[in-house]
Amino acid sequence: MENKIKAHNNILELIGKTPLVKLNRITKDFKGDFYAKVEAFNPGHSSKDRIAIHIIEEAERAGILKEGSTIIETTSGNTGFSIAMVSIIKGYDCILAVSSKSSKDKIDMLRSMGAQVYVCPAHVSADDPRSYYQVAKRIHEETKNSIYINQYFNKLNIDAHYRSTGPEIWEQTAGQITHLVACSGTGGTISGTARFLKEQNPNIKVIGVDAYGSILKKYHETGSIDANEIYPYRIEGLGKNLIPTATDFEIIDEFIKVTDAESAHTAREIARTEGLFVGYTSGAAMQAMKQLNELNTFDENSKVVAIFPDHGSRYMSKIYSDQWMEDQGFLESNPVEETQEIQYIK
């Protein structure tokens, strides 16, 4: 009998089932047990693989996507990469409107995956014709046989995580999870994951991570948008200057804000202490857990899961660049040298 070759049919079959990793050194003085859901283990190195495959396959089932179709999306980088990857395998063209806040690494990766990329100014209002929201809409209107994923206002964004991330965390923690900490950008990850987990145990606390310069935390608390809160910030894929309908605010118990500088330093600390080379928003999620621990949110019985959304390789020209950190003034806030000097042998 001939042995069967054990191979996946294509890279899309690797999406999901990412590991849960216990955090040890960085949380050694915390109360409770802390775990990271490491989404960099997806083939596209981020949690956005989950929504890309789900939304595109739902569009195929509905007959919206056909042979020769073009997929268009607004992205800070990760969703675009995932959509480009899925488009390659399924044979679609891909056009992406990207925020200028996205790292050069991300933009170069998108182009390497065959996507046509439009880089749009980050610090303009959502209704400005130059914003990446409006640019994507315009390209969609001008491109025949195209679909606009529109992750910020697509309920399938929530559904993807309800069907995958939530059940995975519940199974991996044997139902013992007490707190979920997740960054909120489009809101799909935290909303879908939380919706499933709260159905299993409504006592699980769901904590969203927001950025200074974003309106999400205050909107959650007051139901109103305060335009005075909006100002430029550097973290990618976290916070918003509009209210995405892909965020289920009722399922989130509270929001906590983190700074650009502390999130950057904490991402680097995760690499040095846990050996996990993670991205900017992972640093933000870990920074939130630090602040929550200081607020005595957790006790000895807490089982806390933080979602680490992507891989550090997408931030080599940003948070892992000492020059970039210095240019932002971040090394002034934490002057301790964090990386080993390079030794040149002559």
C-alpha atoms as a PDB file:
ATOM      1  CA  MET A   1       0.000   0.000   0.000  1.00  0.00           C
ATOM      2  CA  GLU A   2       1.438   3.345  -1.062  1.00  0.00           C
ATOM      3  CA  ASN A   3       1.978   5.866   1.716  1.00  0.00           C
ATOM      4  CA  LYS A   4      -0.096   9.040   1.359  1.00  0.00           C
ATOM      5  CA  ILE A   5       1.739  12.343   1.088  1.00  0.00           C
ATOM      6  CA  LYS A   6       0.835  14.546   4.058  1.00  0.00           C
ATOM      7  CA  ALA A   7       0.538  17.994   2.542  1.00  0.00           C
ATOM      8  CA  HIS A   8      -1.932  20.849   2.591  1.00  0.00           C
ATOM      9  CA  ASN A   9      -3.612  21.653  -0.714  1.00  0.00           C
ATOM     10  CA  ASN A  10      -2.671  25.332  -0.377  1.00  0.00           C
ATOM     11  CA  ILE A  11      -1.609  27.867   2.233  1.00  0.00           C
ATOM     12  CA  LEU A  12      -5.205  28.849   3.067  1.00  0.00           C
ATOM     13  CA  GLU A  13      -5.711  25.550   4.885  1.00  0.00           C
ATOM     14  CA  LEU A  14      -3.257  26.792   7.534  1.00  0.00           C
ATOM     15  CA  ILE A  15      -5.516  29.645   8.664  1.00  0.00           C
ATOM     16  CA  GLY A  16      -6.682  29.431  12.283  1.00  0.00           C
ATOM     17  CA  LYS A  17      -5.911  27.024  15.119  1.00  0.00           C
ATOM     18  CA  THR A  18      -3.189  29.358  16.380  1.00  0.00           C
ATOM     19  CA  PRO A  19      -1.449  28.455  19.662  1.00  0.00           C
ATOM     20  CA  LEU A  20      -2.155  29.762  23.132  1.00  0.00           C
ATOM     21  CA  VAL A  21       1.160  30.492  24.857  1.00  0.00           C
ATOM     22  CA  LYS A  22       1.606  31.057  28.587  1.00  0.00           C
ATOM     23  CA  LEU A  23       3.384  34.294  29.483  1.00  0.00           C
ATOM     24  CA  ASN A  24       5.964  33.825  32.205  1.00  0.00           C
ATOM     25  CA  ARG A  25       8.738  36.379  32.723  1.00  0.00           C
ATOM     26  CA  ILE A  26       6.872  39.530  31.661  1.00  0.00           C
ATOM     27  CA  THR A  27       4.004  38.683  34.045  1.00  0.00           C
ATOM     28  CA  LYS A  28       6.036  37.217  36.921  1.00  0.00           C
ATOM     29  CA  ASP A  29       4.811  39.869  39.391  1.00  0.00           C
ATOM     30  CA  PHE A  30       1.173  39.767  38.242  1.00  0.00           C
ATOM     31  CA  LYS A  31      -1.727  38.156  40.068  1.00  0.00           C
ATOM     32  CA  GLY A  32      -3.196  35.256  38.081  1.00  0.00           C
ATOM     33  CA  ASP A  33      -2.167  33.336  34.958  1.00  0.00           C
ATOM     34  CA  PHE A  34      -1.654  35.084  31.629  1.00  0.00           C
ATOM     35  CA  TYR A  35      -1.747  33.716  28.090  1.00  0.00           C
ATOM     36  CA  ALA A  36      -1.228  35.073  24.593  1.00  0.00           C
ATOM     37  CA  LYS A  37      -3.257  33.953  21.596  1.00  0.00           C
ATOM     38  CA  VAL A  38      -0.416  34.254  19.068  1.00  0.00           C
ATOM     39  CA  GLU A  39      -2.038  35.141  15.750  1.00  0.00           C
ATOM     40  CA  ALA A  40       1.337  35.490  13.994  1.00  0.00           C
ATOM     41  CA  PHE A  41       1.139  31.705  13.519  1.00  0.00           C
ATOM     42  CA  ASN A  42      -1.461  32.255  10.784  1.00  0.00           C
ATOM     43  CA  PRO A  43       0.114  31.895   7.308  1.00  0.00           C
ATOM     44  CA  GLY A  44      -0.341  35.605   6.658  1.00  0.00           C
ATOM     45  CA  HIS A  45       1.168  36.310  10.094  1.00  0.00           C
ATOM     46  CA  SER A  46      -1.918  38.042  11.516  1.00  0.00           C
ATOM     47  CA  SER A  47      -5.455  37.548  12.799  1.00  0.00           C
ATOM     48  CA  LYS A  48      -6.751  39.206   9.625  1.00  0.00           C
ATOM     49  CA  ASP A  49      -6.332  35.929   7.715  1.00  0.00           C
ATOM     50  CA  ARG A  50      -9.484  34.787   9.486  1.00  0.00           C
ATOM     51  CA  ILE A  51     -11.702  37.584   8.165  1.00  0.00           C
ATOM     52  CA  ALA A  52     -10.147  37.567   4.690  1.00  0.00           C
ATOM     53  CA  ILE A  53     -10.939  33.919   4.008  1.00  0.00           C
ATOM     54  CA  HIS A  54     -14.370  34.095   5.662  1.00  0.00           C
ATOM     55  CA  ILE A  55     -15.616  37.237   3.917  1.00  0.00           C
ATOM     56  CA  ILE A  56     -14.276  36.194   0.506  1.00  0.00           C
ATOM     57  CA  GLU A  57     -15.734  32.696   0.674  1.00  0.00           C
ATOM     58  CA  GLU A  58     -19.097  34.079   1.823  1.00  0.00           C
ATOM     59  CA  ALA A  59     -19.030  36.406  -1.216  1.00  0.00           C
ATOM     60  CA  GLU A  60     -18.297  33.407  -3.437  1.00  0.00           C
ATOM     61  CA  ARG A  61     -21.201  31.459  -1.944  1.00  0.00           C
ATOM     62  CA  ALA A  62     -23.492  34.436  -2.532  1.00  0.00           C
ATOM     63  CA  GLY A  63     -22.368  34.683  -6.158  1.00  0.00           C
ATOM     64  CA  ILE A  64     -20.975  38.189  -5.647  1.00  0.00           C
ATOM     65  CA  LEU A  65     -17.408  37.161  -6.488  1.00  0.00           C
ATOM     66  CA  LYS A  66     -16.936  35.658  -9.920  1.00  0.00           C
ATOM     67  CA  GLU A  67     -14.054  34.750 -12.196  1.00  0.00           C
ATOM     68  CA  GLY A  68     -12.076  37.875 -13.050  1.00  0.00           C
ATOM     69  CA  SER A  69     -13.396  39.851 -10.067  1.00  0.00           C
ATOM     70  CA  THR A  70     -11.356  42.491  -8.277  1.00  0.00           C
ATOM     71  CA  ILE A  71     -11.289  42.697  -4.486  1.00  0.00           C
ATOM     72  CA  ILE A  72     -10.875  46.185  -3.001  1.00  0.00           C
ATOM     73  CA  GLU A  73     -10.213  47.044   0.601  1.00  0.00           C
ATOM     74  CA  THR A  74      -9.230  49.728   3.083  1.00  0.00           C
ATOM     75  CA  THR A  75      -6.401  48.556   5.323  1.00  0.00           C
ATOM     76  CA  SER A  76      -3.653  49.532   7.732  1.00  0.00           C
ATOM     77  CA  GLY A  77      -1.704  46.656   6.207  1.00  0.00           C
ATOM     78  CA  ASN A  78      -2.555  43.324   7.796  1.00  0.00           C
ATOM     79  CA  THR A  79      -6.012  42.841   6.281  1.00  0.00           C
ATOM     80  CA  GLY A  80      -4.606  43.877   2.925  1.00  0.00           C
ATOM     81  CA  PHE A  81      -1.861  41.268   3.117  1.00  0.00           C
ATOM     82  CA  SER A  82      -4.387  38.563   4.033  1.00  0.00           C
ATOM     83  CA  ILE A  83      -6.734  39.575   1.211  1.00  0.00           C
ATOM     84  CA  ALA A  84      -3.838  39.656  -1.264  1.00  0.00           C
ATOM     85  CA  MET A  85      -2.791  36.164  -0.150  1.00  0.00           C
ATOM     86  CA  VAL A  86      -6.317  34.761  -0.533  1.00  0.00           C
ATOM     87  CA  SER A  87      -6.712  36.544  -3.883  1.00  0.00           C
ATOM     88  CA  ILE A  88      -3.572  34.879  -5.246  1.00  0.00           C
ATOM     89  CA  ILE A  89      -4.834  31.393  -4.421  1.00  0.00           C
ATOM     90  CA  LYS A  90      -8.363  32.067  -5.689  1.00  0.00           C
ATOM     91  CA  GLY A  91      -7.362  34.018  -8.802  1.00  0.00           C
ATOM     92  CA  TYR A  92      -8.729  37.498  -8.071  1.00  0.00           C
ATOM     93  CA  ASP A  93      -7.128  40.901  -8.618  1.00  0.00           C
ATOM     94  CA  CYS A  94      -6.526  42.940  -5.492  1.00  0.00           C
ATOM     95  CA  ILE A  95      -6.492  46.721  -4.969  1.00  0.00           C
ATOM     96  CA  LEU A  96      -5.726  48.188  -1.562  1.00  0.00           C
ATOM     97  CA  ALA A  97      -6.084  51.695  -0.116  1.00  0.00           C
ATOM     98  CA  VAL A  98      -3.537  51.975   2.674  1.00  0.00           C
ATOM     99  CA  SER A  99      -3.010  54.557   5.408  1.00  0.00           C
ATOM    100  CA  SER A 100       0.292  56.434   5.192  1.00  0.00           C
ATOM    101  CA  LYS A 101       0.686  55.536   8.886  1.00  0.00           C
ATOM    102  CA  SER A 102       1.317  51.935   7.820  1.00  0.00           C
ATOM    103  CA  SER A 103       4.941  50.900   8.032  1.00  0.00           C
ATOM    104  CA  LYS A 104       7.040  50.781   4.865  1.00  0.00           C
ATOM    105  CA  ASP A 105       7.523  47.089   5.607  1.00  0.00           C
ATOM    106  CA  LYS A 106       3.776  46.475   5.339  1.00  0.00           C
ATOM    107  CA  ILE A 107       3.423  48.482   2.117  1.00  0.00           C
ATOM    108  CA  ASP A 108       6.349  46.652   0.499  1.00  0.00           C
ATOM    109  CA  MET A 109       4.829  43.318   1.549  1.00  0.00           C
ATOM    110  CA  LEU A 110       1.505  44.218  -0.096  1.00  0.00           C
ATOM    111  CA  ARG A 111       3.230  45.060  -3.358  1.00  0.00           C
ATOM    112  CA  SER A 112       5.248  41.840  -3.141  1.00  0.00           C
ATOM    113  CA  MET A 113       1.961  39.918  -2.928  1.00  0.00           C
ATOM    114  CA  GLY A 114       0.832  41.385  -6.242  1.00  0.00           C
ATOM    115  CA  ALA A 115      -1.597  43.967  -4.863  1.00  0.00           C
ATOM    116  CA  GLN A 116      -2.065  47.391  -6.439  1.00  0.00           C
ATOM    117  CA  VAL A 117      -1.516  49.820  -3.559  1.00  0.00           C
ATOM    118  CA  TYR A 118      -2.774  53.382  -3.047  1.00  0.00           C
ATOM    119  CA  VAL A 119      -1.135  55.129  -0.073  1.00  0.00           C
ATOM    120  CA  CYS A 120      -3.476  57.734   1.414  1.00  0.00           C
ATOM    121  CA  PRO A 121      -2.777  60.446   4.022  1.00  0.00           C
ATOM    122  CA  ALA A 122      -3.476  59.154   7.537  1.00  0.00           C
ATOM    123  CA  HIS A 123      -4.354  62.368   9.316  1.00  0.00           C
ATOM    124  CA  VAL A 124      -7.430  63.465   7.373  1.00  0.00           C
ATOM    125  CA  SER A 125     -11.080  63.024   8.335  1.00  0.00           C
ATOM    126  CA  ALA A 126     -12.890  59.852   7.299  1.00  0.00           C
ATOM    127  CA  ASP A 127     -15.078  61.771   4.826  1.00  0.00           C
ATOM    128  CA  ASP A 128     -12.142  63.552   3.169  1.00  0.00           C
ATOM    129  CA  PRO A 129     -11.874  62.378  -0.486  1.00  0.00           C
ATOM    130  CA  ARG A 130      -8.186  61.591   0.145  1.00  0.00           C
ATOM    131  CA  SER A 131      -8.886  59.284   3.110  1.00  0.00           C
ATOM    132  CA  TYR A 132      -8.333  55.608   2.512  1.00  0.00           C
ATOM    133  CA  TYR A 133     -12.043  54.975   3.140  1.00  0.00           C
ATOM    134  CA  GLN A 134     -13.122  57.331   0.358  1.00  0.00           C
ATOM    135  CA  VAL A 135     -10.357  56.271  -2.038  1.00  0.00           C
ATOM    136  CA  ALA A 136     -11.395  52.618  -1.723  1.00  0.00           C
ATOM    137  CA  LYS A 137     -15.057  53.514  -2.308  1.00  0.00           C
ATOM    138  CA  ARG A 138     -14.163  55.557  -5.401  1.00  0.00           C
ATOM    139  CA  ILE A 139     -12.017  52.784  -6.880  1.00  0.00           C
ATOM    140  CA  HIS A 140     -14.813  50.288  -6.226  1.00  0.00           C
ATOM    141  CA  GLU A 141     -17.316  52.504  -8.069  1.00  0.00           C
ATOM    142  CA  GLU A 142     -14.926  52.890 -11.006  1.00  0.00           C
ATOM    143  CA  THR A 143     -13.945  49.196 -11.260  1.00  0.00           C
ATOM    144  CA  LYS A 144     -16.315  46.790 -12.956  1.00  0.00           C
ATOM    145  CA  ASN A 145     -16.882  43.358 -11.405  1.00  0.00           C
ATOM    146  CA  SER A 146     -15.385  44.441  -8.089  1.00  0.00           C
ATOM    147  CA  ILE A 147     -16.336  44.024  -4.438  1.00  0.00           C
ATOM    148  CA  TYR A 148     -15.390  46.247  -1.516  1.00  0.00           C
ATOM    149  CA  ILE A 149     -14.683  44.204   1.631  1.00  0.00           C
ATOM    150  CA  ASN A 150     -15.291  47.230   3.893  1.00  0.00           C
ATOM    151  CA  GLN A 151     -14.066  45.509   7.069  1.00  0.00           C
ATOM    152  CA  TYR A 152     -15.036  48.422   9.336  1.00  0.00           C
ATOM    153  CA  PHE A 153     -18.727  48.039   8.491  1.00  0.00           C
ATOM    154  CA  ASN A 154     -18.958  44.364   7.591  1.00  0.00           C
ATOM    155  CA  LYS A 155     -20.753  42.120  10.089  1.00  0.00           C
ATOM    156  CA  LEU A 156     -18.895  39.125   8.634  1.00  0.00           C
ATOM    157  CA  ASN A 157     -15.796  40.573  10.318  1.00  0.00           C
ATOM    158  CA  ILE A 158     -17.422  39.733  13.666  1.00  0.00           C
ATOM    159  CA  ASP A 159     -18.753  36.411  12.388  1.00  0.00           C
ATOM    160  CA  ALA A 160     -15.281  35.199  11.357  1.00  0.00           C
ATOM    161  CA  HIS A 161     -13.994  35.472  14.932  1.00  0.00           C
ATOM    162  CA  TYR A 162     -17.233  34.173  16.439  1.00  0.00           C
ATOM    163  CA  ARG A 163     -16.760  31.014  14.386  1.00  0.00           C
ATOM    164  CA  SER A 164     -13.018  30.576  14.916  1.00  0.00           C
ATOM    165  CA  THR A 165     -11.098  32.651  17.474  1.00  0.00           C
ATOM    166  CA  GLY A 166     -13.733  32.440  20.207  1.00  0.00           C
ATOM    167  CA  PRO A 167     -14.201  28.644  20.067  1.00  0.00           C
ATOM    168  CA  GLU A 168     -10.430  28.111  19.900  1.00  0.00           C
ATOM    169  CA  ILE A 169      -9.790  30.155  23.059  1.00  0.00           C
ATOM    170  CA  TRP A 170     -12.648  28.457  24.900  1.00  0.00           C
ATOM    171  CA  GLU A 171     -11.285  25.017  24.029  1.00  0.00           C
ATOM    172  CA  GLN A 172      -7.645  25.929  24.703  1.00  0.00           C
ATOM    173  CA  THR A 173      -8.455  27.314  28.166  1.00  0.00           C
ATOM    174  CA  ALA A 174     -10.792  24.403  28.959  1.00  0.00           C
ATOM    175  CA  GLY A 175     -13.446  27.034  29.641  1.00  0.00           C
ATOM    176  CA  GLN A 176     -11.394  28.561  32.471  1.00  0.00           C
ATOM    177  CA  ILE A 177     -10.813  31.988  30.885  1.00  0.00           C
ATOM    178  CA  THR A 178     -11.888  34.853  33.166  1.00  0.00           C
ATOM    179  CA  HIS A 179     -10.701  37.896  31.151  1.00  0.00           C
ATOM    180  CA  LEU A 180     -10.200  38.645  27.451  1.00  0.00           C
ATOM    181  CA  VAL A 181      -7.936  41.582  26.542  1.00  0.00           C
ATOM    182  CA  ALA A 182      -7.940  42.609  22.884  1.00  0.00           C
ATOM    183  CA  CYS A 183      -7.143  45.683  20.836  1.00  0.00           C
ATOM    184  CA  SER A 184     -10.054  47.315  19.068  1.00  0.00           C
ATOM    185  CA  GLY A 185      -9.655  48.794  15.592  1.00  0.00           C
ATOM    186  CA  THR A 186     -12.399  47.577  13.287  1.00  0.00           C
ATOM    187  CA  GLY A 187     -13.655  45.768  16.379  1.00  0.00           C
ATOM    188  CA  GLY A 188     -14.292  42.483  14.604  1.00  0.00           C
ATOM    189  CA  THR A 189     -11.715  40.474  16.555  1.00  0.00           C
ATOM    190  CA  ILE A 190     -12.801  41.539  20.027  1.00  0.00           C
ATOM    191  CA  SER A 191     -16.522  41.528  19.201  1.00  0.00           C
ATOM    192  CA  GLY A 192     -16.709  38.114  17.559  1.00  0.00           C
ATOM    193  CA  THR A 193     -14.420  36.444  20.076  1.00  0.00           C
ATOM    194  CA  ALA A 194     -16.243  38.020  23.027  1.00  0.00           C
ATOM    195  CA  ARG A 195     -19.677  37.147  21.676  1.00  0.00           C
ATOM    196  CA  PHE A 196     -18.820  33.448  21.588  1.00  0.00           C
ATOM    197  CA  LEU A 197     -17.068  33.456  24.962  1.00  0.00           C
ATOM    198  CA  LYS A 198     -19.897  35.335  26.702  1.00  0.00           C
ATOM    199  CA  GLU A 199     -22.390  32.813  25.347  1.00  0.00           C
ATOM    200  CA  GLN A 200     -20.398  30.116  27.142  1.00  0.00           C
ATOM    201  CA  ASN A 201     -19.863  32.153  30.322  1.00  0.00           C
ATOM    202  CA  PRO A 202     -21.417  35.626  30.681  1.00  0.00           C
ATOM    203  CA  ASN A 203     -19.114  36.378  33.638  1.00  0.00           C
ATOM    204  CA  ILE A 204     -16.014  36.597  31.420  1.00  0.00           C
ATOM    205  CA  LYS A 205     -14.761  40.189  31.438  1.00  0.00           C
ATOM    206  CA  VAL A 206     -13.986  41.650  28.034  1.00  0.00           C
ATOM    207  CA  ILE A 207     -11.564  44.571  27.972  1.00  0.00           C
ATOM    208  CA  GLY A 208     -10.899  46.559  24.811  1.00  0.00           C
ATOM    209  CA  VAL A 209      -7.634  48.387  24.216  1.00  0.00           C
ATOM    210  CA  ASP A 210      -7.839  51.870  22.685  1.00  0.00           C
ATOM    211  CA  ALA A 211      -5.266  54.488  21.706  1.00  0.00           C
ATOM    212  CA  TYR A 212      -4.921  58.087  22.835  1.00  0.00           C
ATOM    213  CA  GLY A 213      -6.136  60.078  19.834  1.00  0.00           C
ATOM    214  CA  SER A 214      -9.024  57.648  19.233  1.00  0.00           C
ATOM    215  CA  ILE A 215     -12.695  58.040  20.121  1.00  0.00           C
ATOM    216  CA  LEU A 216     -13.656  54.444  20.961  1.00  0.00           C
ATOM    217  CA  LYS A 217     -13.305  54.466  24.767  1.00  0.00           C
ATOM    218  CA  LYS A 218     -15.340  57.628  25.298  1.00  0.00           C
ATOM    219  CA  TYR A 219     -17.979  56.519  22.787  1.00  0.00           C
ATOM    220  CA  HIS A 220     -18.332  53.242  24.696  1.00  0.00           C
ATOM    221  CA  GLU A 221     -18.805  55.130  27.968  1.00  0.00           C
ATOM    222  CA  THR A 222     -21.035  57.985  26.770  1.00  0.00           C
ATOM    223  CA  GLY A 223     -22.532  56.987  23.427  1.00  0.00           C
ATOM    224  CA  SER A 224     -21.289  60.228  21.920  1.00  0.00           C
ATOM    225  CA  ILE A 225     -18.395  61.153  19.632  1.00  0.00           C
ATOM    226  CA  ASP A 226     -16.005  63.779  20.945  1.00  0.00           C
ATOM    227  CA  ALA A 227     -14.104  65.253  17.988  1.00  0.00           C
ATOM    228  CA  ASN A 228     -11.748  66.975  20.441  1.00  0.00           C
ATOM    229  CA  GLU A 229     -10.304  63.553  21.294  1.00  0.00           C
ATOM    230  CA  ILE A 230      -9.084  62.990  17.740  1.00  0.00           C
ATOM    231  CA  TYR A 231      -5.419  63.654  17.073  1.00  0.00           C
ATOM    232  CA  PRO A 232      -2.607  61.794  15.266  1.00  0.00           C
ATOM    233  CA  TYR A 233      -1.118  58.741  16.935  1.00  0.00           C
ATOM    234  CA  ARG A 234       1.357  56.124  15.780  1.00  0.00           C
ATOM    235  CA  ILE A 235      -0.033  52.685  16.683  1.00  0.00           C
ATOM    236  CA  GLU A 236      -1.369  50.922  13.584  1.00  0.00           C
ATOM    237  CA  GLY A 237      -4.554  48.868  13.573  1.00  0.00           C
ATOM    238  CA  LEU A 238      -5.781  50.210  16.912  1.00  0.00           C
ATOM    239  CA  GLY A 239      -8.382  52.883  17.682  1.00  0.00           C
ATOM    240  CA  LYS A 240     -10.461  54.884  15.225  1.00  0.00           C
ATOM    241  CA  ASN A 241     -11.614  58.395  14.337  1.00  0.00           C
ATOM    242  CA  LEU A 242     -15.029  56.977  13.365  1.00  0.00           C
ATOM    243  CA  ILE A 243     -17.354  54.360  14.853  1.00  0.00           C
ATOM    244  CA  PRO A 244     -17.113  51.014  13.014  1.00  0.00           C
ATOM    245  CA  THR A 245     -20.346  49.015  12.937  1.00  0.00           C
ATOM    246  CA  ALA A 246     -18.137  45.913  13.127  1.00  0.00           C
ATOM    247  CA  THR A 247     -17.690  46.776  16.814  1.00  0.00           C
ATOM    248  CA  ASP A 248     -20.297  45.381  19.207  1.00  0.00           C
ATOM    249  CA  PHE A 249     -19.890  47.858  22.059  1.00  0.00           C
ATOM    250  CA  GLU A 250     -22.482  46.100  24.230  1.00  0.00           C
ATOM    251  CA  ILE A 251     -20.371  42.942  24.463  1.00  0.00           C
ATOM    252  CA  ILE A 252     -17.294  44.883  25.687  1.00  0.00           C
ATOM    253  CA  ASP A 253     -17.205  45.555  29.429  1.00  0.00           C
ATOM    254  CA  GLU A 254     -14.653  48.362  29.413  1.00  0.00           C
ATOM    255  CA  PHE A 255     -11.914  50.057  27.421  1.00  0.00           C
ATOM    256  CA  ILE A 256      -8.455  51.060  28.565  1.00  0.00           C
ATOM    257  CA  LYS A 257      -6.162  53.458  26.708  1.00  0.00           C
ATOM    258  CA  VAL A 258      -2.447  52.951  26.086  1.00  0.00           C
ATOM    259  CA  THR A 259       0.208  55.315  24.772  1.00  0.00           C
ATOM    260  CA  ASP A 260       2.256  54.998  21.604  1.00  0.00           C
ATOM    261  CA  ALA A 261       5.564  55.018  23.464  1.00  0.00           C
ATOM    262  CA  GLU A 262       4.683  52.495  26.181  1.00  0.00           C
ATOM    263  CA  SER A 263       3.129  50.105  23.644  1.00  0.00           C
ATOM    264  CA  ALA A 264       6.272  50.244  21.499  1.00  0.00           C
ATOM    265  CA  HIS A 265       8.580  49.578  24.446  1.00  0.00           C
ATOM    266  CA  THR A 266       6.353  46.769  25.679  1.00  0.00           C
ATOM    267  CA  ALA A 267       6.390  45.037  22.279  1.00  0.00           C
ATOM    268  CA  ARG A 268      10.179  45.053  22.452  1.00  0.00           C
ATOM    269  CA  GLU A 269      10.003  43.759  26.021  1.00  0.00           C
ATOM    270  CA  ILE A 270       7.826  40.817  24.930  1.00  0.00           C
ATOM    271  CA  ALA A 271      10.520  39.821  22.444  1.00  0.00           C
ATOM    272  CA  ARG A 272      13.278  40.065  25.075  1.00  0.00           C
ATOM    273  CA  THR A 273      11.418  38.253  27.866  1.00  0.00           C
ATOM    274  CA  GLU A 274       9.155  35.718  26.148  1.00  0.00           C
ATOM    275  CA  GLY A 275      10.952  35.171  22.835  1.00  0.00           C
ATOM    276  CA  LEU A 276       7.785  36.184  20.974  1.00  0.00           C
ATOM    277  CA  PHE A 277       8.582  38.592  18.130  1.00  0.00           C
ATOM    278  CA  VAL A 278       5.276  40.446  17.922  1.00  0.00           C
ATOM    279  CA  GLY A 279       3.872  43.623  16.435  1.00  0.00           C
ATOM    280  CA  TYR A 280       2.871  47.048  17.737  1.00  0.00           C
ATOM    281  CA  THR A 281      -0.686  46.126  18.724  1.00  0.00           C
ATOM    282  CA  SER A 282       0.568  43.103  20.640  1.00  0.00           C
ATOM    283  CA  GLY A 283       2.670  45.528  22.644  1.00  0.00           C
ATOM    284  CA  ALA A 284      -0.479  47.587  23.207  1.00  0.00           C
ATOM    285  CA  ALA A 285      -2.409  44.541  24.461  1.00  0.00           C
ATOM    286  CA  MET A 286       0.412  43.618  26.844  1.00  0.00           C
ATOM    287  CA  GLN A 287       0.709  47.220  28.026  1.00  0.00           C
ATOM    288  CA  ALA A 288      -3.016  47.176  28.783  1.00  0.00           C
ATOM    289  CA  MET A 289      -2.544  44.064  30.907  1.00  0.00           C
ATOM    290  CA  LYS A 290       0.244  45.813  32.822  1.00  0.00           C
ATOM    291  CA  GLN A 291      -2.035  48.764  33.557  1.00  0.00           C
ATOM    292  CA  LEU A 292      -4.959  46.529  34.501  1.00  0.00           C
ATOM    293  CA  ASN A 293      -2.730  44.599  36.886  1.00  0.00           C
ATOM    294  CA  GLU A 294      -1.700  47.869  38.549  1.00  0.00           C
ATOM    295  CA  LEU A 295      -5.405  48.675  38.941  1.00  0.00           C
ATOM    296  CA  ASN A 296      -5.915  45.342  40.775  1.00  0.00           C
ATOM    297  CA  THR A 297      -8.260  44.078  38.069  1.00  0.00           C
ATOM    298  CA  PHE A 298      -6.962  40.514  38.452  1.00  0.00           C
ATOM    299  CA  ASP A 299      -6.606  38.112  41.381  1.00  0.00           C
ATOM    300  CA  GLU A 300      -4.861  34.793  41.991  1.00  0.00           C
ATOM    301  CA  ASN A 301      -7.690  32.908  40.255  1.00  0.00           C
ATOM    302  CA  SER A 302      -7.669  35.000  37.065  1.00  0.00           C
ATOM    303  CA  LYS A 303      -7.014  33.271  33.739  1.00  0.00           C
ATOM    304  CA  VAL A 304      -6.336  36.114  31.335  1.00  0.00           C
ATOM    305  CA  VAL A 305      -6.023  35.776  27.551  1.00  0.00           C
ATOM    306  CA  ALA A 306      -4.647  38.584  25.408  1.00  0.00           C
ATOM    307  CA  ILE A 307      -4.840  38.447  21.634  1.00  0.00           C
ATOM    308  CA  PHE A 308      -1.459  39.240  20.042  1.00  0.00           C
ATOM    309  CA  PRO A 309      -2.596  40.179  16.520  1.00  0.00           C
ATOM    310  CA  ASP A 310       0.498  40.061  14.311  1.00  0.00           C
ATOM    311  CA  HIS A 311       4.225  39.506  13.798  1.00  0.00           C
ATOM    312  CA  GLY A 312       7.098  41.863  14.562  1.00  0.00           C
ATOM    313  CA  SER A 313       8.612  41.559  11.078  1.00  0.00           C
ATOM    314  CA  ARG A 314       6.089  44.137   9.862  1.00  0.00           C
ATOM    315  CA  TYR A 315       7.559  46.781  12.126  1.00  0.00           C
ATOM    316  CA  MET A 316      11.288  46.546  11.438  1.00  0.00           C
ATOM    317  CA  SER A 317      11.385  50.139  10.197  1.00  0.00           C
ATOM    318  CA  LYS A 318       9.270  51.298  13.156  1.00  0.00           C
ATOM    319  CA  ILE A 319       9.254  49.976  16.717  1.00  0.00           C
ATOM    320  CA  TYR A 320      12.220  47.659  16.155  1.00  0.00           C
ATOM    321  CA  SER A 321      14.286  50.462  14.667  1.00  0.00           C
ATOM    322  CA  ASP A 322      16.224  52.421  17.298  1.00  0.00           C
ATOM    323  CA  GLN A 323      16.409  55.332  14.852  1.00  0.00           C
ATOM    324  CA  TRP A 324      12.613  55.457  14.438  1.00  0.00           C
ATOM    325  CA  MET A 325      12.120  55.160  18.188  1.00  0.00           C
ATOM    326  CA  GLU A 326      14.541  58.026  18.732  1.00  0.00           C
ATOM    327  CA  ASP A 327      12.867  60.137  16.030  1.00  0.00           C
ATOM    328  CA  GLN A 328       9.517  59.741  17.828  1.00  0.00           C
ATOM    329  CA  GLY A 329      11.072  60.740  21.148  1.00  0.00           C
ATOM    330  CA  PHE A 330      10.288  57.286  22.558  1.00  0.00           C
ATOM    331  CA  LEU A 331      13.819  56.586  23.751  1.00  0.00           C
ATOM    332  CA  GLU A 332      13.669  59.747  25.848  1.00  0.00           C
ATOM    333  CA  SER A 333      10.727  58.299  27.784  1.00  0.00           C
ATOM    334  CA  ASN A 334      12.647  55.063  28.355  1.00  0.00           C
ATOM    335  CA  PRO A 335      16.352  55.766  27.879  1.00  0.00           C
ATOM    336  CA  VAL A 336      17.526  52.277  28.887  1.00  0.00           C
ATOM    337  CA  GLU A 337      19.165  50.666  25.871  1.00  0.00           C
ATOM    338  CA  GLU A 338      17.016  47.678  24.972  1.00  0.00           C
ATOM    339  CA  THR A 339      18.937  46.069  22.135  1.00  0.00           C
ATOM    340  CA  GLN A 340      22.418  44.660  21.905  1.00  0.00           C
ATOM    341  CA  GLU A 341      24.962  46.722  20.008  1.00  0.00           C
ATOM    342  CA  ILE A 342      26.209  45.281  16.740  1.00  0.00           C
ATOM    343  CA  GLN A 343      29.841  44.244  16.890  1.00  0.00           C
ATOM    344  CA  TYR A 344      31.713  44.631  13.600  1.00  0.00           C
ATOM    345  CA  ILE A 345      34.760  42.408  13.096  1.00  0.00           C
ATOM    346  CA  LYS A 346      37.389  43.987  10.845  1.00  0.00           C
END
